[in-house]
Amino acid sequence: MSNKVFCIKHQKDEPAIDVHIPFRGELKEQVRTSICQEVWDDWLIEQVKIINELALNLGDPRSHDIIEQKAKEFFGFEGDQYQSVEPAEGDGPPTVQ
């Protein structure tokens, strides 16, 4: 029986990813613990499109940064669900006076 994760894209328990996840640090951990195999497979298809459309050179570390940013957007890691701290009063963006 395969391991399960609560997939944030499907909002239910699904089979966990059973292959190597080539991301670094926090992103790798987020994917491992909250993305299912089906969504990972969808990401691999999307990643190829991104590499081709942006003509990314995988030998360039900046291309890896772009891919990781696009992955965060694809998986839904950008946004309120991953903000662990509420901004304190007065911590908002600067205002023009």
PDB file of N, CA and C in Angstrom:
ATOM      1  N   MET A   1       0.847  -1.177   0.000  1.00  0.00           N
ATOM      2  CA  MET A   1       0.000   0.000   0.000  1.00  0.00           C
ATOM      3  C   MET A   1       0.892   1.238   0.000  1.00  0.00           C
ATOM      4  N   SER A   2       0.588   2.185  -0.837  1.00  0.00           N
ATOM      5  CA  SER A   2       1.434   3.369  -0.956  1.00  0.00           C
ATOM      6  C   SER A   2       1.116   4.387   0.138  1.00  0.00           C
ATOM      7  N   ASN A   3       2.083   5.249   0.387  1.00  0.00           N
ATOM      8  CA  ASN A   3       1.876   6.331   1.348  1.00  0.00           C
ATOM      9  C   ASN A   3       0.870   7.326   0.786  1.00  0.00           C
ATOM     10  N   LYS A   4       0.223   8.037   1.671  1.00  0.00           N
ATOM     11  CA  LYS A   4      -0.765   9.046   1.265  1.00  0.00           C
ATOM     12  C   LYS A   4      -0.356  10.408   1.819  1.00  0.00           C
ATOM     13  N   VAL A   5      -0.789  11.462   1.115  1.00  0.00           N
ATOM     14  CA  VAL A   5      -0.642  12.835   1.589  1.00  0.00           C
ATOM     15  C   VAL A   5      -1.976  13.532   1.383  1.00  0.00           C
ATOM     16  N   PHE A   6      -2.209  14.579   2.159  1.00  0.00           N
ATOM     17  CA  PHE A   6      -3.373  15.416   1.897  1.00  0.00           C
ATOM     18  C   PHE A   6      -2.942  16.400   0.814  1.00  0.00           C
ATOM     19  N   CYS A   7      -3.424  16.197  -0.405  1.00  0.00           N
ATOM     20  CA  CYS A   7      -3.035  17.012  -1.554  1.00  0.00           C
ATOM     21  C   CYS A   7      -3.781  18.342  -1.501  1.00  0.00           C
ATOM     22  N   ILE A   8      -3.022  19.439  -1.468  1.00  0.00           N
ATOM     23  CA  ILE A   8      -3.670  20.755  -1.378  1.00  0.00           C
ATOM     24  C   ILE A   8      -4.366  21.146  -2.670  1.00  0.00           C
ATOM     25  N   LYS A   9      -3.987  20.543  -3.786  1.00  0.00           N
ATOM     26  CA  LYS A   9      -4.663  20.834  -5.054  1.00  0.00           C
ATOM     27  C   LYS A   9      -6.000  20.095  -5.145  1.00  0.00           C
ATOM     28  N   HIS A  10      -6.047  18.867  -4.691  1.00  0.00           N
ATOM     29  CA  HIS A  10      -7.270  18.060  -4.768  1.00  0.00           C
ATOM     30  C   HIS A  10      -8.109  18.132  -3.497  1.00  0.00           C
ATOM     31  N   GLN A  11      -7.509  18.658  -2.427  1.00  0.00           N
ATOM     32  CA  GLN A  11      -8.185  18.782  -1.129  1.00  0.00           C
ATOM     33  C   GLN A  11      -8.711  17.442  -0.610  1.00  0.00           C
ATOM     34  N   LYS A  12      -7.879  16.410  -0.773  1.00  0.00           N
ATOM     35  CA  LYS A  12      -8.206  15.098  -0.211  1.00  0.00           C
ATOM     36  C   LYS A  12      -6.935  14.249  -0.152  1.00  0.00           C
ATOM     37  N   ASP A  13      -7.000  13.147   0.585  1.00  0.00           N
ATOM     38  CA  ASP A  13      -5.874  12.218   0.670  1.00  0.00           C
ATOM     39  C   ASP A  13      -5.679  11.524  -0.670  1.00  0.00           C
ATOM     40  N   GLU A  14      -4.440  11.518  -1.121  1.00  0.00           N
ATOM     41  CA  GLU A  14      -4.079  10.920  -2.411  1.00  0.00           C
ATOM     42  C   GLU A  14      -2.734  10.216  -2.258  1.00  0.00           C
ATOM     43  N   PRO A  15      -2.382   9.334  -3.201  1.00  0.00           N
ATOM     44  CA  PRO A  15      -1.064   8.690  -3.144  1.00  0.00           C
ATOM     45  C   PRO A  15       0.064   9.729  -3.205  1.00  0.00           C
ATOM     46  N   ALA A  16       1.052   9.527  -2.329  1.00  0.00           N
ATOM     47  CA  ALA A  16       2.199  10.429  -2.262  1.00  0.00           C
ATOM     48  C   ALA A  16       3.102  10.243  -3.486  1.00  0.00           C
ATOM     49  N   ILE A  17       3.945  11.214  -3.719  1.00  0.00           N
ATOM     50  CA  ILE A  17       4.924  11.142  -4.805  1.00  0.00           C
ATOM     51  C   ILE A  17       5.915  10.033  -4.473  1.00  0.00           C
ATOM     52  N   ASP A  18       6.161   9.163  -5.457  1.00  0.00           N
ATOM     53  CA  ASP A  18       7.057   8.030  -5.208  1.00  0.00           C
ATOM     54  C   ASP A  18       8.332   8.094  -6.047  1.00  0.00           C
ATOM     55  N   VAL A  19       8.710   9.304  -6.463  1.00  0.00           N
ATOM     56  CA  VAL A  19       9.944   9.514  -7.229  1.00  0.00           C
ATOM     57  C   VAL A  19      10.759  10.630  -6.581  1.00  0.00           C
ATOM     58  N   HIS A  20      11.987  10.784  -7.041  1.00  0.00           N
ATOM     59  CA  HIS A  20      12.859  11.850  -6.544  1.00  0.00           C
ATOM     60  C   HIS A  20      12.255  13.218  -6.878  1.00  0.00           C
ATOM     61  N   ILE A  21      12.281  14.124  -5.925  1.00  0.00           N
ATOM     62  CA  ILE A  21      11.796  15.497  -6.122  1.00  0.00           C
ATOM     63  C   ILE A  21      13.026  16.390  -6.240  1.00  0.00           C
ATOM     64  N   PRO A  22      13.283  16.965  -7.415  1.00  0.00           N
ATOM     65  CA  PRO A  22      14.549  17.653  -7.649  1.00  0.00           C
ATOM     66  C   PRO A  22      14.616  19.112  -7.175  1.00  0.00           C
ATOM     67  N   PHE A  23      13.734  19.507  -6.289  1.00  0.00           N
ATOM     68  CA  PHE A  23      13.786  20.874  -5.770  1.00  0.00           C
ATOM     69  C   PHE A  23      14.684  20.938  -4.551  1.00  0.00           C
ATOM     70  N   ARG A  24      14.958  22.194  -4.124  1.00  0.00           N
ATOM     71  CA  ARG A  24      15.834  22.415  -2.982  1.00  0.00           C
ATOM     72  C   ARG A  24      15.019  22.845  -1.770  1.00  0.00           C
ATOM     73  N   GLY A  25      15.554  22.549  -0.599  1.00  0.00           N
ATOM     74  CA  GLY A  25      15.089  23.106   0.656  1.00  0.00           C
ATOM     75  C   GLY A  25      13.607  23.017   0.939  1.00  0.00           C
ATOM     76  N   GLU A  26      13.045  24.182   1.311  1.00  0.00           N
ATOM     77  CA  GLU A  26      11.655  24.256   1.751  1.00  0.00           C
ATOM     78  C   GLU A  26      10.677  23.826   0.664  1.00  0.00           C
ATOM     79  N   LEU A  27      10.945  24.200  -0.577  1.00  0.00           N
ATOM     80  CA  LEU A  27      10.044  23.821  -1.668  1.00  0.00           C
ATOM     81  C   LEU A  27       9.973  22.300  -1.791  1.00  0.00           C
ATOM     82  N   LYS A  28      11.105  21.635  -1.705  1.00  0.00           N
ATOM     83  CA  LYS A  28      11.128  20.170  -1.788  1.00  0.00           C
ATOM     84  C   LYS A  28      10.267  19.567  -0.687  1.00  0.00           C
ATOM     85  N   GLU A  29      10.390  20.094   0.532  1.00  0.00           N
ATOM     86  CA  GLU A  29       9.614  19.570   1.660  1.00  0.00           C
ATOM     87  C   GLU A  29       8.119  19.839   1.480  1.00  0.00           C
ATOM     88  N   GLN A  30       7.775  21.035   0.997  1.00  0.00           N
ATOM     89  CA  GLN A  30       6.361  21.359   0.764  1.00  0.00           C
ATOM     90  C   GLN A  30       5.760  20.419  -0.269  1.00  0.00           C
ATOM     91  N   VAL A  31       6.479  20.173  -1.356  1.00  0.00           N
ATOM     92  CA  VAL A  31       5.979  19.272  -2.397  1.00  0.00           C
ATOM     93  C   VAL A  31       5.822  17.858  -1.830  1.00  0.00           C
ATOM     94  N   ARG A  32       6.828  17.391  -1.114  1.00  0.00           N
ATOM     95  CA  ARG A  32       6.800  16.030  -0.568  1.00  0.00           C
ATOM     96  C   ARG A  32       5.620  15.807   0.372  1.00  0.00           C
ATOM     97  N   THR A  33       5.261  16.833   1.149  1.00  0.00           N
ATOM     98  CA  THR A  33       4.240  16.648   2.181  1.00  0.00           C
ATOM     99  C   THR A  33       2.835  17.093   1.774  1.00  0.00           C
ATOM    100  N   SER A  34       2.685  17.780   0.633  1.00  0.00           N
ATOM    101  CA  SER A  34       1.347  18.294   0.320  1.00  0.00           C
ATOM    102  C   SER A  34       0.945  18.207  -1.155  1.00  0.00           C
ATOM    103  N   ILE A  35       1.697  17.469  -1.954  1.00  0.00           N
ATOM    104  CA  ILE A  35       1.354  17.298  -3.367  1.00  0.00           C
ATOM    105  C   ILE A  35       1.308  15.806  -3.672  1.00  0.00           C
ATOM    106  N   CYS A  36       0.273  15.376  -4.374  1.00  0.00           N
ATOM    107  CA  CYS A  36       0.119  13.959  -4.702  1.00  0.00           C
ATOM    108  C   CYS A  36       0.800  13.623  -6.032  1.00  0.00           C
ATOM    109  N   GLN A  37       0.910  12.330  -6.294  1.00  0.00           N
ATOM    110  CA  GLN A  37       1.574  11.858  -7.512  1.00  0.00           C
ATOM    111  C   GLN A  37       0.894  12.388  -8.766  1.00  0.00           C
ATOM    112  N   GLU A  38      -0.421  12.430  -8.799  1.00  0.00           N
ATOM    113  CA  GLU A  38      -1.134  12.897  -9.994  1.00  0.00           C
ATOM    114  C   GLU A  38      -0.806  14.357 -10.300  1.00  0.00           C
ATOM    115  N   VAL A  39      -0.799  15.198  -9.276  1.00  0.00           N
ATOM    116  CA  VAL A  39      -0.469  16.615  -9.479  1.00  0.00           C
ATOM    117  C   VAL A  39       1.001  16.747  -9.879  1.00  0.00           C
ATOM    118  N   TRP A  40       1.875  15.916  -9.287  1.00  0.00           N
ATOM    119  CA  TRP A  40       3.289  15.933  -9.677  1.00  0.00           C
ATOM    120  C   TRP A  40       3.434  15.584 -11.156  1.00  0.00           C
ATOM    121  N   ASP A  41       2.715  14.588 -11.619  1.00  0.00           N
ATOM    122  CA  ASP A  41       2.762  14.215 -13.032  1.00  0.00           C
ATOM    123  C   ASP A  41       2.294  15.369 -13.916  1.00  0.00           C
ATOM    124  N   ASP A  42       1.248  16.073 -13.484  1.00  0.00           N
ATOM    125  CA  ASP A  42       0.772  17.253 -14.226  1.00  0.00           C
ATOM    126  C   ASP A  42       1.849  18.330 -14.261  1.00  0.00           C
ATOM    127  N   TRP A  43       2.561  18.501 -13.125  1.00  0.00           N
ATOM    128  CA  TRP A  43       3.639  19.491 -13.068  1.00  0.00           C
ATOM    129  C   TRP A  43       4.752  19.153 -14.064  1.00  0.00           C
ATOM    130  N   LEU A  44       5.106  17.881 -14.187  1.00  0.00           N
ATOM    131  CA  LEU A  44       6.184  17.509 -15.104  1.00  0.00           C
ATOM    132  C   LEU A  44       5.850  17.902 -16.541  1.00  0.00           C
ATOM    133  N   ILE A  45       4.595  17.761 -16.924  1.00  0.00           N
ATOM    134  CA  ILE A  45       4.159  18.188 -18.261  1.00  0.00           C
ATOM    135  C   ILE A  45       4.243  19.714 -18.371  1.00  0.00           C
ATOM    136  N   GLU A  46       3.762  20.409 -17.353  1.00  0.00           N
ATOM    137  CA  GLU A  46       3.797  21.879 -17.340  1.00  0.00           C
ATOM    138  C   GLU A  46       5.234  22.389 -17.356  1.00  0.00           C
ATOM    139  N   GLN A  47       6.111  21.717 -16.633  1.00  0.00           N
ATOM    140  CA  GLN A  47       7.512  22.130 -16.569  1.00  0.00           C
ATOM    141  C   GLN A  47       8.166  22.094 -17.951  1.00  0.00           C
ATOM    142  N   VAL A  48       7.879  21.062 -18.733  1.00  0.00           N
ATOM    143  CA  VAL A  48       8.429  20.961 -20.087  1.00  0.00           C
ATOM    144  C   VAL A  48       7.948  22.145 -20.925  1.00  0.00           C
ATOM    145  N   LYS A  49       6.673  22.491 -20.802  1.00  0.00           N
ATOM    146  CA  LYS A  49       6.132  23.633 -21.538  1.00  0.00           C
ATOM    147  C   LYS A  49       6.858  24.914 -21.142  1.00  0.00           C
ATOM    148  N   ILE A  50       7.085  25.107 -19.843  1.00  0.00           N
ATOM    149  CA  ILE A  50       7.756  26.307 -19.345  1.00  0.00           C
ATOM    150  C   ILE A  50       9.183  26.378 -19.887  1.00  0.00           C
ATOM    151  N   ILE A  51       9.895  25.266 -19.822  1.00  0.00           N
ATOM    152  CA  ILE A  51      11.278  25.234 -20.321  1.00  0.00           C
ATOM    153  C   ILE A  51      11.312  25.592 -21.796  1.00  0.00           C
ATOM    154  N   ASN A  52      10.400  25.039 -22.573  1.00  0.00           N
ATOM    155  CA  ASN A  52      10.375  25.303 -24.011  1.00  0.00           C
ATOM    156  C   ASN A  52       9.931  26.728 -24.330  1.00  0.00           C
ATOM    157  N   GLU A  53       8.843  27.195 -23.698  1.00  0.00           N
ATOM    158  CA  GLU A  53       8.312  28.517 -24.006  1.00  0.00           C
ATOM    159  C   GLU A  53       9.267  29.640 -23.610  1.00  0.00           C
ATOM    160  N   LEU A  54       9.974  29.456 -22.498  1.00  0.00           N
ATOM    161  CA  LEU A  54      10.900  30.480 -22.034  1.00  0.00           C
ATOM    162  C   LEU A  54      12.328  30.234 -22.520  1.00  0.00           C
ATOM    163  N   ALA A  55      12.521  29.166 -23.296  1.00  0.00           N
ATOM    164  CA  ALA A  55      13.833  28.795 -23.822  1.00  0.00           C
ATOM    165  C   ALA A  55      14.877  28.766 -22.706  1.00  0.00           C
ATOM    166  N   LEU A  56      14.538  28.081 -21.617  1.00  0.00           N
ATOM    167  CA  LEU A  56      15.431  28.042 -20.471  1.00  0.00           C
ATOM    168  C   LEU A  56      16.631  27.137 -20.736  1.00  0.00           C
ATOM    169  N   ASN A  57      17.776  27.555 -20.256  1.00  0.00           N
ATOM    170  CA  ASN A  57      19.007  26.781 -20.338  1.00  0.00           C
ATOM    171  C   ASN A  57      19.188  26.110 -18.981  1.00  0.00           C
ATOM    172  N   LEU A  58      19.013  24.809 -18.913  1.00  0.00           N
ATOM    173  CA  LEU A  58      19.065  24.104 -17.634  1.00  0.00           C
ATOM    174  C   LEU A  58      20.469  24.065 -17.035  1.00  0.00           C
ATOM    175  N   GLY A  59      21.469  24.498 -17.791  1.00  0.00           N
ATOM    176  CA  GLY A  59      22.814  24.625 -17.260  1.00  0.00           C
ATOM    177  C   GLY A  59      23.022  25.931 -16.512  1.00  0.00           C
ATOM    178  N   ASP A  60      22.048  26.829 -16.599  1.00  0.00           N
ATOM    179  CA  ASP A  60      22.119  28.146 -15.957  1.00  0.00           C
ATOM    180  C   ASP A  60      21.315  28.103 -14.657  1.00  0.00           C
ATOM    181  N   PRO A  61      21.970  28.383 -13.505  1.00  0.00           N
ATOM    182  CA  PRO A  61      21.250  28.350 -12.224  1.00  0.00           C
ATOM    183  C   PRO A  61      20.042  29.286 -12.184  1.00  0.00           C
ATOM    184  N   ARG A  62      20.057  30.359 -12.954  1.00  0.00           N
ATOM    185  CA  ARG A  62      18.903  31.272 -12.976  1.00  0.00           C
ATOM    186  C   ARG A  62      17.673  30.579 -13.548  1.00  0.00           C
ATOM    187  N   SER A  63      17.878  29.640 -14.464  1.00  0.00           N
ATOM    188  CA  SER A  63      16.752  28.883 -15.023  1.00  0.00           C
ATOM    189  C   SER A  63      16.096  28.020 -13.957  1.00  0.00           C
ATOM    190  N   HIS A  64      16.904  27.466 -13.068  1.00  0.00           N
ATOM    191  CA  HIS A  64      16.358  26.654 -11.977  1.00  0.00           C
ATOM    192  C   HIS A  64      15.531  27.520 -11.026  1.00  0.00           C
ATOM    193  N   ASP A  65      15.986  28.748 -10.800  1.00  0.00           N
ATOM    194  CA  ASP A  65      15.219  29.672  -9.960  1.00  0.00           C
ATOM    195  C   ASP A  65      13.859  29.969 -10.590  1.00  0.00           C
ATOM    196  N   ILE A  66      13.845  30.156 -11.905  1.00  0.00           N
ATOM    197  CA  ILE A  66      12.588  30.425 -12.625  1.00  0.00           C
ATOM    198  C   ILE A  66      11.657  29.218 -12.519  1.00  0.00           C
ATOM    199  N   ILE A  67      12.199  28.039 -12.728  1.00  0.00           N
ATOM    200  CA  ILE A  67      11.385  26.817 -12.649  1.00  0.00           C
ATOM    201  C   ILE A  67      10.804  26.662 -11.244  1.00  0.00           C
ATOM    202  N   GLU A  68      11.605  26.923 -10.225  1.00  0.00           N
ATOM    203  CA  GLU A  68      11.092  26.793  -8.856  1.00  0.00           C
ATOM    204  C   GLU A  68       9.993  27.810  -8.577  1.00  0.00           C
ATOM    205  N   GLN A  69      10.133  29.026  -9.088  1.00  0.00           N
ATOM    206  CA  GLN A  69       9.089  30.029  -8.894  1.00  0.00           C
ATOM    207  C   GLN A  69       7.797  29.604  -9.601  1.00  0.00           C
ATOM    208  N   LYS A  70       7.927  29.102 -10.822  1.00  0.00           N
ATOM    209  CA  LYS A  70       6.750  28.629 -11.567  1.00  0.00           C
ATOM    210  C   LYS A  70       6.107  27.432 -10.860  1.00  0.00           C
ATOM    211  N   ALA A  71       6.922  26.578 -10.249  1.00  0.00           N
ATOM    212  CA  ALA A  71       6.385  25.422  -9.512  1.00  0.00           C
ATOM    213  C   ALA A  71       5.578  25.903  -8.315  1.00  0.00           C
ATOM    214  N   LYS A  72       6.096  26.878  -7.593  1.00  0.00           N
ATOM    215  CA  LYS A  72       5.363  27.426  -6.438  1.00  0.00           C
ATOM    216  C   LYS A  72       4.002  27.946  -6.872  1.00  0.00           C
ATOM    217  N   GLU A  73       3.963  28.640  -8.001  1.00  0.00           N
ATOM    218  CA  GLU A  73       2.700  29.158  -8.516  1.00  0.00           C
ATOM    219  C   GLU A  73       1.777  28.004  -8.924  1.00  0.00           C
ATOM    220  N   PHE A  74       2.313  27.008  -9.618  1.00  0.00           N
ATOM    221  CA  PHE A  74       1.519  25.870 -10.084  1.00  0.00           C
ATOM    222  C   PHE A  74       0.911  25.096  -8.919  1.00  0.00           C
ATOM    223  N   PHE A  75       1.705  24.850  -7.889  1.00  0.00           N
ATOM    224  CA  PHE A  75       1.236  24.067  -6.750  1.00  0.00           C
ATOM    225  C   PHE A  75       0.369  24.876  -5.789  1.00  0.00           C
ATOM    226  N   GLY A  76       0.369  26.175  -5.935  1.00  0.00           N
ATOM    227  CA  GLY A  76      -0.429  27.008  -5.050  1.00  0.00           C
ATOM    228  C   GLY A  76       0.284  27.381  -3.767  1.00  0.00           C
ATOM    229  N   PHE A  77       1.617  27.368  -3.782  1.00  0.00           N
ATOM    230  CA  PHE A  77       2.387  27.723  -2.593  1.00  0.00           C
ATOM    231  C   PHE A  77       2.557  29.228  -2.442  1.00  0.00           C
ATOM    232  N   GLU A  78       2.160  29.975  -3.416  1.00  0.00           N
ATOM    233  CA  GLU A  78       2.225  31.428  -3.335  1.00  0.00           C
ATOM    234  C   GLU A  78       0.864  31.909  -2.857  1.00  0.00           C
ATOM    235  N   GLY A  79       0.819  32.592  -1.738  1.00  0.00           N
ATOM    236  CA  GLY A  79      -0.458  33.108  -1.271  1.00  0.00           C
ATOM    237  C   GLY A  79      -0.654  32.913   0.205  1.00  0.00           C
ATOM    238  N   ASP A  80      -1.861  33.214   0.657  1.00  0.00           N
ATOM    239  CA  ASP A  80      -2.191  33.261   2.077  1.00  0.00           C
ATOM    240  C   ASP A  80      -2.046  31.927   2.801  1.00  0.00           C
ATOM    241  N   GLN A  81      -2.274  30.793   2.127  1.00  0.00           N
ATOM    242  CA  GLN A  81      -2.267  29.524   2.836  1.00  0.00           C
ATOM    243  C   GLN A  81      -0.913  29.184   3.438  1.00  0.00           C
ATOM    244  N   TYR A  82       0.168  29.796   2.960  1.00  0.00           N
ATOM    245  CA  TYR A  82       1.490  29.491   3.497  1.00  0.00           C
ATOM    246  C   TYR A  82       2.093  30.630   4.282  1.00  0.00           C
ATOM    247  N   GLN A  83       1.331  31.662   4.584  1.00  0.00           N
ATOM    248  CA  GLN A  83       1.824  32.716   5.450  1.00  0.00           C
ATOM    249  C   GLN A  83       1.535  32.314   6.881  1.00  0.00           C
ATOM    250  N   SER A  84       2.596  32.142   7.651  1.00  0.00           N
ATOM    251  CA  SER A  84       2.411  31.651   9.003  1.00  0.00           C
ATOM    252  C   SER A  84       2.262  32.770  10.021  1.00  0.00           C
ATOM    253  N   VAL A  85       2.598  33.979   9.659  1.00  0.00           N
ATOM    254  CA  VAL A  85       2.566  35.090  10.608  1.00  0.00           C
ATOM    255  C   VAL A  85       1.699  36.206  10.039  1.00  0.00           C
ATOM    256  N   GLU A  86       0.775  36.676  10.861  1.00  0.00           N
ATOM    257  CA  GLU A  86      -0.038  37.829  10.467  1.00  0.00           C
ATOM    258  C   GLU A  86       0.815  39.088  10.608  1.00  0.00           C
ATOM    259  N   PRO A  87       0.770  40.002   9.647  1.00  0.00           N
ATOM    260  CA  PRO A  87       1.544  41.228   9.802  1.00  0.00           C
ATOM    261  C   PRO A  87       1.038  42.031  10.992  1.00  0.00           C
ATOM    262  N   ALA A  88       1.969  42.547  11.754  1.00  0.00           N
ATOM    263  CA  ALA A  88       1.605  43.372  12.904  1.00  0.00           C
ATOM    264  C   ALA A  88       1.098  44.723  12.416  1.00  0.00           C
ATOM    265  N   GLU A  89       0.335  45.379  13.257  1.00  0.00           N
ATOM    266  CA  GLU A  89      -0.179  46.694  12.905  1.00  0.00           C
ATOM    267  C   GLU A  89       0.991  47.610  12.568  1.00  0.00           C
ATOM    268  N   GLY A  90       0.879  48.292  11.443  1.00  0.00           N
ATOM    269  CA  GLY A  90       1.937  49.195  11.012  1.00  0.00           C
ATOM    270  C   GLY A  90       3.007  48.527  10.161  1.00  0.00           C
ATOM    271  N   ASP A  91       2.895  47.204   9.922  1.00  0.00           N
ATOM    272  CA  ASP A  91       3.882  46.488   9.119  1.00  0.00           C
ATOM    273  C   ASP A  91       3.506  46.407   7.643  1.00  0.00           C
ATOM    274  N   GLY A  92       2.491  47.145   7.238  1.00  0.00           N
ATOM    275  CA  GLY A  92       2.065  47.117   5.846  1.00  0.00           C
ATOM    276  C   GLY A  92       3.054  47.813   4.943  1.00  0.00           C
ATOM    277  N   PRO A  93       2.756  47.852   3.652  1.00  0.00           N
ATOM    278  CA  PRO A  93       3.655  48.511   2.713  1.00  0.00           C
ATOM    279  C   PRO A  93       3.739  50.009   3.024  1.00  0.00           C
ATOM    280  N   PRO A  94       4.862  50.602   2.667  1.00  0.00           N
ATOM    281  CA  PRO A  94       4.994  52.049   2.918  1.00  0.00           C
ATOM    282  C   PRO A  94       3.964  52.830   2.119  1.00  0.00           C
ATOM    283  N   THR A  95       3.522  53.922   2.668  1.00  0.00           N
ATOM    284  CA  THR A  95       2.561  54.782   1.978  1.00  0.00           C
ATOM    285  C   THR A  95       3.239  56.069   1.556  1.00  0.00           C
ATOM    286  N   VAL A  96       2.777  56.623   0.466  1.00  0.00           N
ATOM    287  CA  VAL A  96       3.303  57.888  -0.033  1.00  0.00           C
ATOM    288  C   VAL A  96       2.544  59.007   0.655  1.00  0.00           C
ATOM    289  N   GLN A  97       3.280  59.966   1.197  1.00  0.00           N
ATOM    290  CA  GLN A  97       2.620  61.083   1.901  1.00  0.00           C
ATOM    291  C   GLN A  97       2.781  62.360   1.138  1.00  0.00           C
TER     292      GLN A  97
END
